[in-house]
């Protein structure tokens, strides 16, 4: 893990925008175990984008980019490369 305060749990620097949809994000979390995502009626977040990454030791991880309602509504529909309709 990096000592850089801007680095996330997998040791790499946190992106400036979400690499999945290109929008701003509120926070990032990294998970190495099972998880559940339920965004229905969430007061804070509209969308969470997931990006597979690897830890320093090669451990598979999933990085979550948490988008607020305002952040999710500011961009045109879709994403770079057309991955999100």
N, C-alpha and C. Protein backbone atom coordinates (compact mmCIF):
# COMPACT_ATOMS: atom_id res chain seq x y z
N UNK A 1 0.84 -1.18 0.00
CA UNK A 1 0.00 0.00 0.00
C UNK A 1 0.88 1.23 0.00
N UNK A 2 0.47 2.24 -0.66
CA UNK A 2 1.23 3.47 -0.79
C UNK A 2 1.05 4.34 0.45
N UNK A 3 2.09 5.16 0.74
CA UNK A 3 1.98 6.15 1.82
C UNK A 3 1.37 7.44 1.31
N UNK A 4 1.12 7.54 0.03
CA UNK A 4 0.55 8.72 -0.58
C UNK A 4 -0.89 8.89 -0.12
N UNK A 5 -1.25 10.01 0.54
CA UNK A 5 -2.64 10.18 1.01
C UNK A 5 -3.66 10.22 -0.13
N UNK A 6 -3.23 10.51 -1.36
CA UNK A 6 -4.16 10.52 -2.49
C UNK A 6 -4.32 9.13 -3.08
N UNK A 7 -3.53 8.16 -2.60
CA UNK A 7 -3.62 6.80 -3.14
C UNK A 7 -4.78 6.07 -2.49
N UNK A 8 -5.39 5.14 -3.24
CA UNK A 8 -6.48 4.37 -2.68
C UNK A 8 -5.95 3.05 -2.14
N UNK A 9 -6.85 2.15 -1.75
CA UNK A 9 -6.47 0.92 -1.07
C UNK A 9 -5.62 -0.02 -1.91
N UNK A 10 -5.67 0.09 -3.22
CA UNK A 10 -4.82 -0.80 -4.03
C UNK A 10 -3.46 -0.17 -4.30
N UNK A 11 -3.20 1.02 -3.70
CA UNK A 11 -1.90 1.64 -3.81
C UNK A 11 -1.73 2.58 -4.99
N UNK A 12 -2.69 2.67 -5.86
CA UNK A 12 -2.56 3.55 -7.02
C UNK A 12 -3.24 4.89 -6.73
N UNK A 13 -2.83 5.91 -7.44
CA UNK A 13 -3.43 7.23 -7.25
C UNK A 13 -4.89 7.20 -7.70
N UNK A 14 -5.71 7.87 -6.96
CA UNK A 14 -7.14 7.92 -7.28
C UNK A 14 -7.36 8.75 -8.53
N UNK A 15 -8.19 8.28 -9.45
CA UNK A 15 -8.49 9.05 -10.67
C UNK A 15 -9.21 10.35 -10.34
N UNK A 16 -9.11 11.33 -11.23
CA UNK A 16 -9.79 12.61 -11.06
C UNK A 16 -11.26 12.48 -11.39
N UNK A 17 -11.60 11.68 -12.41
CA UNK A 17 -12.99 11.38 -12.77
C UNK A 17 -13.14 9.87 -12.82
N UNK A 18 -14.36 9.40 -12.76
CA UNK A 18 -14.64 7.96 -12.79
C UNK A 18 -14.16 7.37 -14.12
N UNK A 19 -13.33 6.33 -14.09
CA UNK A 19 -12.85 5.73 -15.33
C UNK A 19 -13.92 4.92 -16.06
N UNK A 20 -15.04 4.66 -15.41
CA UNK A 20 -16.11 3.88 -16.02
C UNK A 20 -17.06 4.78 -16.80
N UNK A 21 -17.54 5.88 -16.17
CA UNK A 21 -18.53 6.73 -16.83
C UNK A 21 -18.04 8.13 -17.14
N UNK A 22 -16.88 8.52 -16.62
CA UNK A 22 -16.33 9.84 -16.91
C UNK A 22 -16.88 10.97 -16.07
N UNK A 23 -17.75 10.69 -15.11
CA UNK A 23 -18.35 11.74 -14.27
C UNK A 23 -17.52 11.97 -13.02
N UNK A 24 -17.74 13.11 -12.36
CA UNK A 24 -17.16 13.35 -11.05
C UNK A 24 -17.73 12.32 -10.08
N UNK A 25 -17.02 12.12 -8.96
CA UNK A 25 -17.52 11.19 -7.95
C UNK A 25 -17.27 11.77 -6.57
N UNK A 26 -18.03 11.29 -5.59
CA UNK A 26 -17.96 11.78 -4.22
C UNK A 26 -16.88 11.05 -3.43
N UNK A 27 -16.78 9.74 -3.59
CA UNK A 27 -15.81 8.95 -2.85
C UNK A 27 -15.53 7.65 -3.58
N UNK A 28 -14.49 6.95 -3.12
CA UNK A 28 -14.08 5.67 -3.70
C UNK A 28 -13.92 4.68 -2.56
N UNK A 29 -14.32 3.44 -2.78
CA UNK A 29 -14.03 2.37 -1.83
C UNK A 29 -13.51 1.17 -2.60
N UNK A 30 -12.70 0.35 -1.94
CA UNK A 30 -12.11 -0.83 -2.57
C UNK A 30 -12.50 -2.04 -1.74
N UNK A 31 -12.94 -3.11 -2.41
CA UNK A 31 -13.44 -4.30 -1.72
C UNK A 31 -12.73 -5.55 -2.20
N UNK A 32 -12.45 -6.46 -1.26
CA UNK A 32 -11.80 -7.72 -1.62
C UNK A 32 -12.64 -8.94 -1.23
N UNK A 33 -13.85 -8.69 -0.73
CA UNK A 33 -14.75 -9.77 -0.36
C UNK A 33 -16.12 -9.53 -0.95
N UNK A 34 -17.03 -10.43 -0.68
CA UNK A 34 -18.39 -10.27 -1.17
C UNK A 34 -19.03 -8.99 -0.68
N UNK A 35 -19.95 -8.46 -1.45
CA UNK A 35 -20.61 -7.23 -1.09
C UNK A 35 -21.99 -7.19 -1.71
N UNK A 36 -22.80 -6.28 -1.22
CA UNK A 36 -24.15 -6.09 -1.72
C UNK A 36 -24.33 -4.62 -2.05
N UNK A 37 -24.93 -4.33 -3.18
CA UNK A 37 -25.19 -2.95 -3.58
C UNK A 37 -26.68 -2.79 -3.79
N UNK A 38 -27.28 -1.84 -3.09
CA UNK A 38 -28.69 -1.52 -3.24
C UNK A 38 -28.80 -0.01 -3.32
N UNK A 39 -29.09 0.52 -4.49
CA UNK A 39 -29.14 1.97 -4.67
C UNK A 39 -30.58 2.51 -4.67
N UNK A 40 -31.55 1.66 -4.47
CA UNK A 40 -32.94 2.13 -4.46
C UNK A 40 -33.17 3.07 -3.29
N UNK A 41 -33.75 4.21 -3.59
CA UNK A 41 -34.11 5.19 -2.56
C UNK A 41 -32.93 5.58 -1.68
N UNK A 42 -31.75 5.66 -2.27
CA UNK A 42 -30.57 6.07 -1.52
C UNK A 42 -30.54 7.59 -1.46
N UNK A 43 -30.47 8.14 -0.25
CA UNK A 43 -30.50 9.60 -0.07
C UNK A 43 -29.24 10.28 -0.58
N UNK A 44 -28.11 9.58 -0.59
CA UNK A 44 -26.86 10.23 -0.94
C UNK A 44 -26.36 9.91 -2.33
N UNK A 45 -26.43 8.63 -2.73
CA UNK A 45 -25.83 8.23 -4.01
C UNK A 45 -26.87 7.77 -5.01
N UNK A 46 -26.67 8.21 -6.25
CA UNK A 46 -27.52 7.81 -7.36
C UNK A 46 -26.97 6.59 -8.06
N UNK A 47 -25.63 6.55 -8.17
CA UNK A 47 -25.00 5.49 -8.96
C UNK A 47 -23.65 5.14 -8.34
N UNK A 48 -23.26 3.87 -8.47
CA UNK A 48 -21.93 3.41 -8.10
C UNK A 48 -21.37 2.65 -9.30
N UNK A 49 -20.22 3.09 -9.80
CA UNK A 49 -19.56 2.40 -10.90
C UNK A 49 -18.49 1.48 -10.32
N UNK A 50 -18.30 0.33 -10.93
CA UNK A 50 -17.34 -0.65 -10.44
C UNK A 50 -16.22 -0.84 -11.44
N UNK A 51 -14.98 -0.90 -10.93
CA UNK A 51 -13.82 -1.12 -11.77
C UNK A 51 -12.95 -2.21 -11.13
N UNK A 52 -12.70 -3.32 -11.85
CA UNK A 52 -11.80 -4.34 -11.31
C UNK A 52 -10.35 -3.82 -11.31
N UNK A 53 -9.64 -4.01 -10.20
CA UNK A 53 -8.24 -3.62 -10.07
C UNK A 53 -7.51 -4.73 -9.32
N UNK A 54 -6.20 -4.61 -9.22
CA UNK A 54 -5.40 -5.57 -8.46
C UNK A 54 -4.62 -4.83 -7.39
N UNK A 55 -4.49 -5.47 -6.22
CA UNK A 55 -3.67 -4.91 -5.15
C UNK A 55 -2.20 -5.07 -5.48
N UNK A 56 -1.33 -4.52 -4.65
CA UNK A 56 0.11 -4.62 -4.87
C UNK A 56 0.58 -6.07 -4.97
N UNK A 57 -0.10 -6.96 -4.27
CA UNK A 57 0.29 -8.38 -4.28
C UNK A 57 -0.48 -9.19 -5.32
N UNK A 58 -1.23 -8.51 -6.18
CA UNK A 58 -1.99 -9.20 -7.22
C UNK A 58 -3.38 -9.64 -6.79
N UNK A 59 -3.76 -9.34 -5.55
CA UNK A 59 -5.09 -9.69 -5.06
C UNK A 59 -6.15 -9.00 -5.90
N UNK A 60 -7.14 -9.75 -6.41
CA UNK A 60 -8.20 -9.10 -7.18
C UNK A 60 -9.07 -8.25 -6.26
N UNK A 61 -9.34 -7.02 -6.69
CA UNK A 61 -10.15 -6.08 -5.92
C UNK A 61 -11.17 -5.44 -6.85
N UNK A 62 -12.21 -4.87 -6.25
CA UNK A 62 -13.18 -4.09 -7.01
C UNK A 62 -13.20 -2.70 -6.40
N UNK A 63 -12.96 -1.69 -7.24
CA UNK A 63 -12.98 -0.30 -6.78
C UNK A 63 -14.34 0.28 -7.15
N UNK A 64 -14.99 0.90 -6.17
CA UNK A 64 -16.31 1.51 -6.34
C UNK A 64 -16.17 3.03 -6.38
N UNK A 65 -16.80 3.66 -7.38
CA UNK A 65 -16.86 5.11 -7.47
C UNK A 65 -18.29 5.52 -7.15
N UNK A 66 -18.48 6.25 -6.05
CA UNK A 66 -19.80 6.63 -5.55
C UNK A 66 -20.19 7.99 -6.11
N UNK A 67 -21.27 8.03 -6.89
CA UNK A 67 -21.76 9.26 -7.52
C UNK A 67 -23.00 9.76 -6.80
N UNK A 68 -22.98 11.04 -6.42
CA UNK A 68 -24.17 11.63 -5.81
C UNK A 68 -25.24 11.81 -6.88
N UNK A 69 -26.43 12.16 -6.47
CA UNK A 69 -27.52 12.42 -7.42
C UNK A 69 -27.13 13.54 -8.39
N UNK A 70 -26.52 14.60 -7.86
CA UNK A 70 -26.13 15.73 -8.70
C UNK A 70 -25.04 15.30 -9.70
N UNK A 71 -24.06 14.56 -9.24
CA UNK A 71 -22.98 14.12 -10.13
C UNK A 71 -23.49 13.18 -11.21
N UNK A 72 -24.41 12.33 -10.88
CA UNK A 72 -24.95 11.38 -11.86
C UNK A 72 -25.83 12.07 -12.89
N UNK A 73 -26.39 13.22 -12.54
CA UNK A 73 -27.29 13.91 -13.44
C UNK A 73 -26.65 14.99 -14.28
N UNK A 74 -25.32 15.21 -14.14
CA UNK A 74 -24.70 16.33 -14.84
C UNK A 74 -24.19 15.98 -16.23
N UNK A 75 -23.95 14.73 -16.51
CA UNK A 75 -23.38 14.34 -17.80
C UNK A 75 -24.46 13.86 -18.76
N UNK A 76 -24.12 13.85 -20.03
CA UNK A 76 -25.02 13.29 -21.03
C UNK A 76 -25.18 11.80 -20.75
N UNK A 77 -26.33 11.20 -21.14
CA UNK A 77 -26.50 9.76 -20.96
C UNK A 77 -25.37 9.00 -21.66
N UNK A 78 -24.98 7.91 -21.07
CA UNK A 78 -23.95 7.07 -21.66
C UNK A 78 -22.59 7.34 -21.05
N UNK A 79 -21.61 6.64 -21.55
CA UNK A 79 -20.26 6.75 -21.04
C UNK A 79 -19.26 6.70 -22.18
N UNK A 80 -18.04 7.03 -21.86
CA UNK A 80 -16.98 6.92 -22.86
C UNK A 80 -16.93 5.49 -23.36
N UNK A 81 -16.91 5.32 -24.65
CA UNK A 81 -16.90 3.98 -25.23
C UNK A 81 -18.27 3.33 -25.30
N UNK A 82 -19.31 4.03 -24.82
CA UNK A 82 -20.67 3.49 -24.91
C UNK A 82 -20.96 2.31 -24.00
N UNK A 83 -20.20 2.16 -22.92
CA UNK A 83 -20.42 1.01 -22.02
C UNK A 83 -21.65 1.15 -21.17
N UNK A 84 -22.07 2.39 -20.88
CA UNK A 84 -23.26 2.62 -20.08
C UNK A 84 -24.28 3.34 -20.94
N UNK A 85 -25.48 2.77 -21.08
CA UNK A 85 -26.49 3.41 -21.94
C UNK A 85 -26.99 4.73 -21.37
